[in-house]
Each structure stands twice: as C-alpha cells, then as structure tokens.
C-alpha cells in the first residue's frame, strides 16, 4: 500500500514538474519575442539617428 501512495506522489510531482517546465518554456518563448521586438526598436532608432546626423549637401 505504501508503494501505491509513493507512486501517486511521484506521479503528482512529475506532473507538477512537467507543468512548471511547460510554463518556463512558454515564458522563455515570450522573452525571446520581447528581445526580438526590442532589437527591432533599437535598430530603428539607430537608423533614424544615423539619418538625422547625415551631413546636408548644398
């Protein structure tokens, strides 16, 4: 009987760990997307600043 209780605990723990792993993977994917968006904003800003500093031709 103790074996059955132990197995249920292990199953529950594994399920909890798997849920946490899925949640972590989703969070990592969300953070990667934020990094991409931030990189795009930085690149756009750098490009606009570079265009603003171009010497004017007479």
C-alpha atoms as a PDB file:
ATOM      1  CA  UNK A   1       0.000   0.000   0.000  1.00  0.00           C
ATOM      2  CA  UNK A   2       2.812   2.424   0.783  1.00  0.00           C
ATOM      3  CA  UNK A   3       4.195   1.739  -2.657  1.00  0.00           C
ATOM      4  CA  UNK A   4       0.925   2.915  -4.237  1.00  0.00           C
ATOM      5  CA  UNK A   5       0.980   6.123  -2.182  1.00  0.00           C
ATOM      6  CA  UNK A   6       4.602   6.700  -3.144  1.00  0.00           C
ATOM      7  CA  UNK A   7       3.793   6.169  -6.818  1.00  0.00           C
ATOM      8  CA  UNK A   8       0.938   8.671  -6.646  1.00  0.00           C
ATOM      9  CA  UNK A   9       3.251  11.202  -5.019  1.00  0.00           C
ATOM     10  CA  UNK A  10       5.890  10.639  -7.694  1.00  0.00           C
ATOM     11  CA  UNK A  11       3.245  10.947 -10.419  1.00  0.00           C
ATOM     12  CA  UNK A  12       1.931  14.154  -8.862  1.00  0.00           C
ATOM     13  CA  UNK A  13       5.444  15.555  -8.536  1.00  0.00           C
ATOM     14  CA  UNK A  14       6.260  14.650 -12.114  1.00  0.00           C
ATOM     15  CA  UNK A  15       3.043  16.259 -13.301  1.00  0.00           C
ATOM     16  CA  UNK A  16       3.832  19.399 -11.294  1.00  0.00           C
ATOM     17  CA  UNK A  17       7.355  19.469 -12.683  1.00  0.00           C
ATOM     18  CA  UNK A  18       6.077  18.981 -16.232  1.00  0.00           C
ATOM     19  CA  UNK A  19       3.595  21.839 -15.759  1.00  0.00           C
ATOM     20  CA  UNK A  20       6.370  24.044 -14.458  1.00  0.00           C
ATOM     21  CA  UNK A  21       8.570  23.055 -17.393  1.00  0.00           C
ATOM     22  CA  UNK A  22       5.808  23.947 -19.865  1.00  0.00           C
ATOM     23  CA  UNK A  23       5.277  27.269 -18.084  1.00  0.00           C
ATOM     24  CA  UNK A  24       9.012  28.005 -18.194  1.00  0.00           C
ATOM     25  CA  UNK A  25       9.195  27.165 -21.900  1.00  0.00           C
ATOM     26  CA  UNK A  26       6.270  29.498 -22.595  1.00  0.00           C
ATOM     27  CA  UNK A  27       7.954  32.256 -20.591  1.00  0.00           C
ATOM     28  CA  UNK A  28      11.222  31.717 -22.475  1.00  0.00           C
ATOM     29  CA  UNK A  29       9.359  31.955 -25.793  1.00  0.00           C
ATOM     30  CA  UNK A  30       7.690  35.179 -24.619  1.00  0.00           C
ATOM     31  CA  UNK A  31      11.022  36.633 -23.521  1.00  0.00           C
ATOM     32  CA  UNK A  32      12.628  35.712 -26.855  1.00  0.00           C
ATOM     33  CA  UNK A  33       9.825  37.564 -28.648  1.00  0.00           C
ATOM     34  CA  UNK A  34      10.396  40.593 -26.417  1.00  0.00           C
ATOM     35  CA  UNK A  35      14.107  40.514 -27.258  1.00  0.00           C
ATOM     36  CA  UNK A  36      13.250  40.470 -30.969  1.00  0.00           C
ATOM     37  CA  UNK A  37      10.867  43.415 -30.551  1.00  0.00           C
ATOM     38  CA  UNK A  38      13.415  45.354 -28.523  1.00  0.00           C
ATOM     39  CA  UNK A  39      16.118  44.664 -31.112  1.00  0.00           C
ATOM     40  CA  UNK A  40      13.824  45.952 -33.861  1.00  0.00           C
ATOM     41  CA  UNK A  41      13.144  49.137 -31.886  1.00  0.00           C
ATOM     42  CA  UNK A  42      16.845  49.705 -31.222  1.00  0.00           C
ATOM     43  CA  UNK A  43      17.738  49.120 -34.861  1.00  0.00           C
ATOM     44  CA  UNK A  44      15.000  51.510 -35.998  1.00  0.00           C
ATOM     45  CA  UNK A  45      16.201  54.137 -33.512  1.00  0.00           C
ATOM     46  CA  UNK A  46      19.841  53.766 -34.564  1.00  0.00           C
ATOM     47  CA  UNK A  47      18.847  54.050 -38.227  1.00  0.00           C
ATOM     48  CA  UNK A  48      16.764  57.180 -37.611  1.00  0.00           C
ATOM     49  CA  UNK A  49      19.562  58.764 -35.571  1.00  0.00           C
ATOM     50  CA  UNK A  50      22.111  57.981 -38.281  1.00  0.00           C
ATOM     51  CA  UNK A  51      19.864  59.548 -40.928  1.00  0.00           C
ATOM     52  CA  UNK A  52      19.427  62.634 -38.759  1.00  0.00           C
ATOM     53  CA  UNK A  53      23.201  63.062 -38.469  1.00  0.00           C
ATOM     54  CA  UNK A  54      23.932  62.807 -42.190  1.00  0.00           C
ATOM     55  CA  UNK A  55      25.666  65.916 -43.484  1.00  0.00           C
ATOM     56  CA  UNK A  56      23.417  68.108 -45.613  1.00  0.00           C
ATOM     57  CA  UNK A  57      24.559  68.544 -49.228  1.00  0.00           C
ATOM     58  CA  UNK A  58      24.462  72.086 -50.534  1.00  0.00           C
END
